[in-house]
Amino acid sequence: ALHFRGPSSDLKRLCIFLLGSAAGVAEAHSGQMSVKTMRGQSKIVLKVEAAGLSVPQEQLAHLFDPSALERDGVSSLELAACKTMTRRLGGTILAKTTIGDGVAFVIEWDAVEASFSSLPDLR
């Protein structure tokens, strides 16, 4: 079994903030979002996609800056907190553009450090 390192409260808040940001984008635009988890030989990936928010490539890295402005339901303060929590959990987070003017938030953890068997109850 694999194991997440770090406070479970960070994982819970990370999921709430990330899903909330994607839901805000989806609600402001097409109403569509998706959540995927993938496990490879060396990584566990959580990918949250929201259709409708077109972010220029040069602005993607700044989405996680706390000084960036809120845009289309996406709070830069929440995304900055997501970056901090992801790091505390031993992972990385980035934003990518998707086909059809969307944005995807991708979190990766090394497989030896992450576990879905120890996820907290998110209720």
N, C-alpha and C. Protein backbone atom coordinates (compact mmCIF):
# COMPACT_ATOMS: atom_id res chain seq x y z
N ALA A 1 0.84 -1.19 0.00
CA ALA A 1 0.00 0.00 0.00
C ALA A 1 0.88 1.24 0.00
N LEU A 2 0.35 2.27 -0.59
CA LEU A 2 1.06 3.53 -0.65
C LEU A 2 0.53 4.45 0.44
N HIS A 3 1.26 5.52 0.71
CA HIS A 3 0.89 6.37 1.84
C HIS A 3 1.10 7.85 1.54
N PHE A 4 0.11 8.68 1.86
CA PHE A 4 0.26 10.13 1.77
C PHE A 4 1.02 10.61 2.99
N ARG A 5 1.93 11.54 2.79
CA ARG A 5 2.62 12.15 3.91
C ARG A 5 2.12 13.57 4.08
N GLY A 6 1.83 13.91 5.30
CA GLY A 6 1.36 15.26 5.57
C GLY A 6 0.01 15.23 6.26
N PRO A 7 -0.43 16.39 6.70
CA PRO A 7 -1.70 16.46 7.43
C PRO A 7 -2.89 16.10 6.54
N SER A 8 -3.76 15.24 7.04
CA SER A 8 -4.96 14.87 6.27
C SER A 8 -5.85 16.08 6.06
N SER A 9 -5.78 17.06 6.98
CA SER A 9 -6.59 18.28 6.80
C SER A 9 -6.14 19.03 5.54
N ASP A 10 -4.85 18.96 5.19
CA ASP A 10 -4.37 19.59 3.96
C ASP A 10 -4.97 18.91 2.74
N LEU A 11 -5.03 17.59 2.76
CA LEU A 11 -5.61 16.86 1.62
C LEU A 11 -7.09 17.20 1.46
N LYS A 12 -7.79 17.28 2.57
CA LYS A 12 -9.20 17.61 2.53
C LYS A 12 -9.41 19.02 1.96
N ARG A 13 -8.68 20.01 2.47
CA ARG A 13 -8.81 21.38 1.97
C ARG A 13 -8.37 21.48 0.52
N LEU A 14 -7.31 20.76 0.17
CA LEU A 14 -6.82 20.77 -1.21
C LEU A 14 -7.94 20.33 -2.16
N CYS A 15 -8.59 19.23 -1.85
CA CYS A 15 -9.68 18.74 -2.70
C CYS A 15 -10.84 19.73 -2.75
N ILE A 16 -11.21 20.30 -1.61
CA ILE A 16 -12.32 21.25 -1.57
C ILE A 16 -12.00 22.49 -2.41
N PHE A 17 -10.80 23.06 -2.24
CA PHE A 17 -10.43 24.27 -2.98
C PHE A 17 -10.33 24.00 -4.48
N LEU A 18 -9.69 22.88 -4.84
CA LEU A 18 -9.48 22.59 -6.25
C LEU A 18 -10.81 22.29 -6.95
N LEU A 19 -11.64 21.48 -6.32
CA LEU A 19 -12.95 21.19 -6.91
C LEU A 19 -13.83 22.44 -6.93
N GLY A 20 -13.72 23.27 -5.91
CA GLY A 20 -14.48 24.52 -5.89
C GLY A 20 -14.08 25.46 -7.01
N SER A 21 -12.78 25.54 -7.27
CA SER A 21 -12.30 26.39 -8.36
C SER A 21 -12.79 25.88 -9.71
N ALA A 22 -12.70 24.57 -9.92
CA ALA A 22 -13.17 23.99 -11.18
C ALA A 22 -14.68 24.16 -11.33
N ALA A 23 -15.41 23.99 -10.25
CA ALA A 23 -16.86 24.16 -10.30
C ALA A 23 -17.22 25.61 -10.62
N GLY A 24 -16.46 26.56 -10.08
CA GLY A 24 -16.70 27.97 -10.37
C GLY A 24 -16.51 28.28 -11.85
N VAL A 25 -15.47 27.72 -12.43
CA VAL A 25 -15.23 27.89 -13.87
C VAL A 25 -16.35 27.26 -14.67
N ALA A 26 -16.69 26.02 -14.32
CA ALA A 26 -17.73 25.31 -15.07
C ALA A 26 -19.06 26.04 -14.98
N GLU A 27 -19.40 26.55 -13.81
CA GLU A 27 -20.66 27.25 -13.64
C GLU A 27 -20.69 28.55 -14.44
N ALA A 28 -19.54 29.24 -14.49
CA ALA A 28 -19.47 30.50 -15.23
C ALA A 28 -19.49 30.30 -16.74
N HIS A 29 -19.23 29.08 -17.19
CA HIS A 29 -19.11 28.84 -18.63
C HIS A 29 -20.01 27.70 -19.09
N SER A 30 -19.44 26.55 -19.26
CA SER A 30 -20.19 25.46 -19.90
C SER A 30 -20.89 24.52 -18.93
N GLY A 31 -20.57 24.61 -17.66
CA GLY A 31 -21.18 23.70 -16.71
C GLY A 31 -20.56 22.32 -16.68
N GLN A 32 -19.40 22.16 -17.33
CA GLN A 32 -18.78 20.84 -17.38
C GLN A 32 -17.42 20.85 -16.68
N MET A 33 -17.21 19.83 -15.88
CA MET A 33 -15.90 19.61 -15.27
C MET A 33 -15.69 18.11 -15.13
N SER A 34 -14.45 17.71 -14.98
CA SER A 34 -14.17 16.29 -14.78
C SER A 34 -13.05 16.13 -13.76
N VAL A 35 -13.09 15.00 -13.07
CA VAL A 35 -12.07 14.66 -12.09
C VAL A 35 -11.57 13.27 -12.43
N LYS A 36 -10.25 13.14 -12.53
CA LYS A 36 -9.65 11.84 -12.86
C LYS A 36 -8.52 11.55 -11.89
N THR A 37 -8.40 10.29 -11.52
CA THR A 37 -7.23 9.84 -10.78
C THR A 37 -6.55 8.76 -11.61
N MET A 38 -5.24 8.80 -11.64
CA MET A 38 -4.48 7.84 -12.42
C MET A 38 -3.29 7.38 -11.59
N ARG A 39 -2.90 6.15 -11.79
CA ARG A 39 -1.72 5.63 -11.12
C ARG A 39 -0.83 4.97 -12.14
N GLY A 40 0.39 5.46 -12.22
CA GLY A 40 1.39 4.84 -13.07
C GLY A 40 2.37 4.09 -12.21
N GLN A 41 3.48 3.68 -12.79
CA GLN A 41 4.49 2.95 -12.02
C GLN A 41 5.17 3.84 -11.00
N SER A 42 5.31 5.13 -11.30
CA SER A 42 6.05 5.98 -10.38
C SER A 42 5.26 7.18 -9.86
N LYS A 43 4.03 7.40 -10.34
CA LYS A 43 3.27 8.58 -9.96
C LYS A 43 1.80 8.25 -9.70
N ILE A 44 1.21 9.03 -8.83
CA ILE A 44 -0.24 9.06 -8.68
C ILE A 44 -0.65 10.46 -9.08
N VAL A 45 -1.67 10.56 -9.93
CA VAL A 45 -2.06 11.85 -10.50
C VAL A 45 -3.53 12.12 -10.20
N LEU A 46 -3.82 13.33 -9.78
CA LEU A 46 -5.18 13.83 -9.64
C LEU A 46 -5.31 14.96 -10.64
N LYS A 47 -6.28 14.84 -11.56
CA LYS A 47 -6.46 15.84 -12.61
C LYS A 47 -7.90 16.35 -12.55
N VAL A 48 -8.04 17.66 -12.39
CA VAL A 48 -9.34 18.30 -12.36
C VAL A 48 -9.41 19.25 -13.54
N GLU A 49 -10.37 19.02 -14.43
CA GLU A 49 -10.51 19.84 -15.63
C GLU A 49 -11.83 20.61 -15.60
N ALA A 50 -11.76 21.85 -16.10
CA ALA A 50 -12.96 22.67 -16.21
C ALA A 50 -12.97 23.30 -17.60
N ALA A 51 -14.08 23.11 -18.30
CA ALA A 51 -14.21 23.68 -19.64
C ALA A 51 -14.66 25.13 -19.54
N GLY A 52 -14.17 25.94 -20.46
CA GLY A 52 -14.68 27.29 -20.58
C GLY A 52 -13.73 28.41 -20.21
N LEU A 53 -12.77 28.17 -19.35
CA LEU A 53 -11.84 29.23 -18.95
C LEU A 53 -10.62 29.18 -19.84
N SER A 54 -10.48 30.18 -20.68
CA SER A 54 -9.33 30.26 -21.56
C SER A 54 -8.24 31.07 -20.87
N VAL A 55 -7.12 30.42 -20.57
CA VAL A 55 -6.01 31.09 -19.90
C VAL A 55 -4.82 31.06 -20.84
N PRO A 56 -4.30 32.23 -21.19
CA PRO A 56 -3.11 32.25 -22.05
C PRO A 56 -1.95 31.51 -21.39
N GLN A 57 -1.16 30.84 -22.19
CA GLN A 57 -0.05 30.00 -21.71
C GLN A 57 0.86 30.75 -20.74
N GLU A 58 1.15 32.03 -21.06
CA GLU A 58 2.08 32.79 -20.21
C GLU A 58 1.48 33.14 -18.85
N GLN A 59 0.18 33.01 -18.67
CA GLN A 59 -0.46 33.31 -17.39
C GLN A 59 -0.68 32.08 -16.51
N LEU A 60 -0.48 30.90 -17.07
CA LEU A 60 -0.76 29.67 -16.31
C LEU A 60 0.05 29.56 -15.03
N ALA A 61 1.34 29.87 -15.11
CA ALA A 61 2.20 29.75 -13.92
C ALA A 61 1.80 30.74 -12.84
N HIS A 62 1.16 31.84 -13.21
CA HIS A 62 0.78 32.87 -12.24
C HIS A 62 -0.57 32.60 -11.58
N LEU A 63 -1.28 31.57 -12.02
CA LEU A 63 -2.56 31.24 -11.40
C LEU A 63 -2.41 30.92 -9.92
N PHE A 64 -1.23 30.46 -9.52
CA PHE A 64 -1.00 30.06 -8.13
C PHE A 64 -0.37 31.16 -7.29
N ASP A 65 -0.21 32.36 -7.87
CA ASP A 65 0.32 33.50 -7.13
C ASP A 65 -0.80 34.12 -6.31
N PRO A 66 -0.59 34.32 -5.01
CA PRO A 66 -1.66 34.89 -4.18
C PRO A 66 -2.04 36.31 -4.59
N SER A 67 -1.18 37.00 -5.32
CA SER A 67 -1.47 38.38 -5.72
C SER A 67 -2.29 38.47 -7.01
N ALA A 68 -2.49 37.34 -7.68
CA ALA A 68 -3.29 37.35 -8.91
C ALA A 68 -4.75 37.63 -8.56
N LEU A 69 -5.48 38.20 -9.48
CA LEU A 69 -6.87 38.53 -9.24
C LEU A 69 -7.77 37.33 -9.43
N GLU A 70 -8.94 37.36 -8.76
CA GLU A 70 -9.94 36.32 -8.98
C GLU A 70 -10.48 36.47 -10.39
N ARG A 71 -10.68 35.33 -11.06
CA ARG A 71 -11.15 35.36 -12.44
C ARG A 71 -12.10 34.20 -12.68
N ASP A 72 -13.28 34.50 -13.15
CA ASP A 72 -14.26 33.48 -13.53
C ASP A 72 -14.45 32.40 -12.47
N GLY A 73 -14.58 32.82 -11.22
CA GLY A 73 -14.84 31.86 -10.15
C GLY A 73 -13.61 31.18 -9.59
N VAL A 74 -12.43 31.53 -10.09
CA VAL A 74 -11.19 30.92 -9.60
C VAL A 74 -10.49 31.91 -8.69
N SER A 75 -10.32 31.55 -7.44
CA SER A 75 -9.66 32.41 -6.46
C SER A 75 -8.16 32.11 -6.45
N SER A 76 -7.35 33.14 -6.70
CA SER A 76 -5.91 32.93 -6.69
C SER A 76 -5.42 32.59 -5.28
N LEU A 77 -6.10 33.10 -4.25
CA LEU A 77 -5.70 32.76 -2.88
C LEU A 77 -5.92 31.28 -2.60
N GLU A 78 -7.04 30.74 -3.08
CA GLU A 78 -7.29 29.31 -2.90
C GLU A 78 -6.30 28.48 -3.69
N LEU A 79 -5.97 28.92 -4.91
CA LEU A 79 -5.00 28.17 -5.71
C LEU A 79 -3.60 28.26 -5.10
N ALA A 80 -3.25 29.39 -4.51
CA ALA A 80 -1.97 29.51 -3.81
C ALA A 80 -1.93 28.56 -2.61
N ALA A 81 -3.06 28.46 -1.90
CA ALA A 81 -3.15 27.52 -0.78
C ALA A 81 -3.03 26.08 -1.28
N CYS A 82 -3.62 25.79 -2.44
CA CYS A 82 -3.51 24.44 -3.03
C CYS A 82 -2.04 24.09 -3.29
N LYS A 83 -1.30 25.05 -3.81
CA LYS A 83 0.12 24.82 -4.09
C LYS A 83 0.89 24.52 -2.80
N THR A 84 0.62 25.29 -1.76
CA THR A 84 1.29 25.08 -0.47
C THR A 84 0.94 23.71 0.12
N MET A 85 -0.35 23.36 0.09
CA MET A 85 -0.78 22.08 0.65
C MET A 85 -0.23 20.91 -0.16
N THR A 86 -0.20 21.06 -1.48
CA THR A 86 0.35 20.00 -2.33
C THR A 86 1.81 19.75 -1.99
N ARG A 87 2.57 20.81 -1.80
CA ARG A 87 3.99 20.67 -1.44
C ARG A 87 4.14 19.99 -0.08
N ARG A 88 3.29 20.36 0.88
CA ARG A 88 3.36 19.73 2.21
C ARG A 88 3.05 18.24 2.13
N LEU A 89 2.24 17.86 1.13
CA LEU A 89 1.90 16.46 0.93
C LEU A 89 2.90 15.75 0.02
N GLY A 90 3.99 16.45 -0.34
CA GLY A 90 5.05 15.83 -1.14
C GLY A 90 4.77 15.78 -2.63
N GLY A 91 3.90 16.65 -3.12
CA GLY A 91 3.54 16.62 -4.53
C GLY A 91 3.84 17.91 -5.25
N THR A 92 3.44 17.95 -6.51
CA THR A 92 3.56 19.14 -7.34
C THR A 92 2.20 19.41 -7.97
N ILE A 93 1.93 20.68 -8.25
CA ILE A 93 0.68 21.08 -8.90
C ILE A 93 1.01 22.04 -10.04
N LEU A 94 0.28 21.89 -11.13
CA LEU A 94 0.44 22.84 -12.23
C LEU A 94 -0.88 22.97 -12.95
N ALA A 95 -0.97 24.03 -13.74
CA ALA A 95 -2.16 24.26 -14.56
C ALA A 95 -1.77 24.12 -16.02
N LYS A 96 -2.66 23.52 -16.80
CA LYS A 96 -2.45 23.34 -18.24
C LYS A 96 -3.70 23.78 -18.97
N THR A 97 -3.51 24.25 -20.20
CA THR A 97 -4.68 24.52 -21.03
C THR A 97 -5.15 23.20 -21.62
N THR A 98 -6.45 23.12 -21.88
CA THR A 98 -7.00 21.90 -22.46
C THR A 98 -7.64 22.25 -23.81
N ILE A 99 -7.87 21.22 -24.59
CA ILE A 99 -8.52 21.42 -25.88
C ILE A 99 -9.92 21.97 -25.64
N GLY A 100 -10.30 22.97 -26.41
CA GLY A 100 -11.63 23.55 -26.27
C GLY A 100 -11.71 24.63 -25.21
N ASP A 101 -10.64 25.38 -25.01
CA ASP A 101 -10.63 26.49 -24.06
C ASP A 101 -11.01 26.08 -22.66
N GLY A 102 -10.18 25.28 -22.07
CA GLY A 102 -10.39 24.87 -20.69
C GLY A 102 -9.08 24.91 -19.94
N VAL A 103 -9.16 24.61 -18.67
CA VAL A 103 -7.98 24.56 -17.83
C VAL A 103 -8.01 23.26 -17.04
N ALA A 104 -6.84 22.67 -16.86
CA ALA A 104 -6.71 21.45 -16.06
C ALA A 104 -5.71 21.72 -14.95
N PHE A 105 -6.07 21.35 -13.74
CA PHE A 105 -5.16 21.41 -12.61
C PHE A 105 -4.68 19.98 -12.38
N VAL A 106 -3.36 19.80 -12.41
CA VAL A 106 -2.79 18.46 -12.32
C VAL A 106 -1.88 18.39 -11.10
N ILE A 107 -2.18 17.43 -10.22
CA ILE A 107 -1.35 17.20 -9.03
C ILE A 107 -0.72 15.83 -9.18
N GLU A 108 0.58 15.77 -8.92
CA GLU A 108 1.31 14.50 -8.99
C GLU A 108 2.03 14.25 -7.68
N TRP A 109 1.96 13.00 -7.23
CA TRP A 109 2.73 12.54 -6.08
C TRP A 109 3.57 11.35 -6.52
N ASP A 110 4.74 11.19 -5.94
CA ASP A 110 5.51 9.97 -6.16
C ASP A 110 4.71 8.82 -5.60
N ALA A 111 4.63 7.73 -6.33
CA ALA A 111 3.79 6.59 -5.94
C ALA A 111 4.19 6.00 -4.61
N VAL A 112 5.46 6.07 -4.25
CA VAL A 112 5.88 5.50 -2.98
C VAL A 112 5.44 6.34 -1.79
N GLU A 113 5.00 7.59 -2.06
CA GLU A 113 4.62 8.47 -0.97
C GLU A 113 3.12 8.69 -0.85
N ALA A 114 2.35 8.24 -1.83
CA ALA A 114 0.92 8.56 -1.84
C ALA A 114 0.07 7.32 -1.70
N SER A 115 -1.09 7.48 -1.10
CA SER A 115 -1.99 6.35 -0.93
C SER A 115 -3.44 6.78 -0.94
N PHE A 116 -4.24 6.09 -1.71
CA PHE A 116 -5.66 6.36 -1.66
C PHE A 116 -6.31 5.50 -0.57
N SER A 117 -5.56 4.58 0.02
CA SER A 117 -6.13 3.77 1.10
C SER A 117 -6.22 4.57 2.39
N SER A 118 -5.50 5.70 2.48
CA SER A 118 -5.53 6.48 3.71
C SER A 118 -6.16 7.85 3.51
N LEU A 119 -6.99 7.99 2.48
CA LEU A 119 -7.66 9.26 2.26
C LEU A 119 -8.62 9.55 3.40
N PRO A 120 -8.70 10.80 3.84
CA PRO A 120 -9.66 11.12 4.90
C PRO A 120 -11.08 11.13 4.35
N ASP A 121 -12.03 11.04 5.25
CA ASP A 121 -13.43 11.17 4.90
C ASP A 121 -13.68 12.62 4.52
N LEU A 122 -14.11 12.90 3.29
CA LEU A 122 -14.26 14.27 2.80
C LEU A 122 -15.67 14.81 3.02
N ARG A 123 -16.47 14.15 3.85
CA ARG A 123 -17.83 14.65 4.11
C ARG A 123 -17.81 15.83 5.03
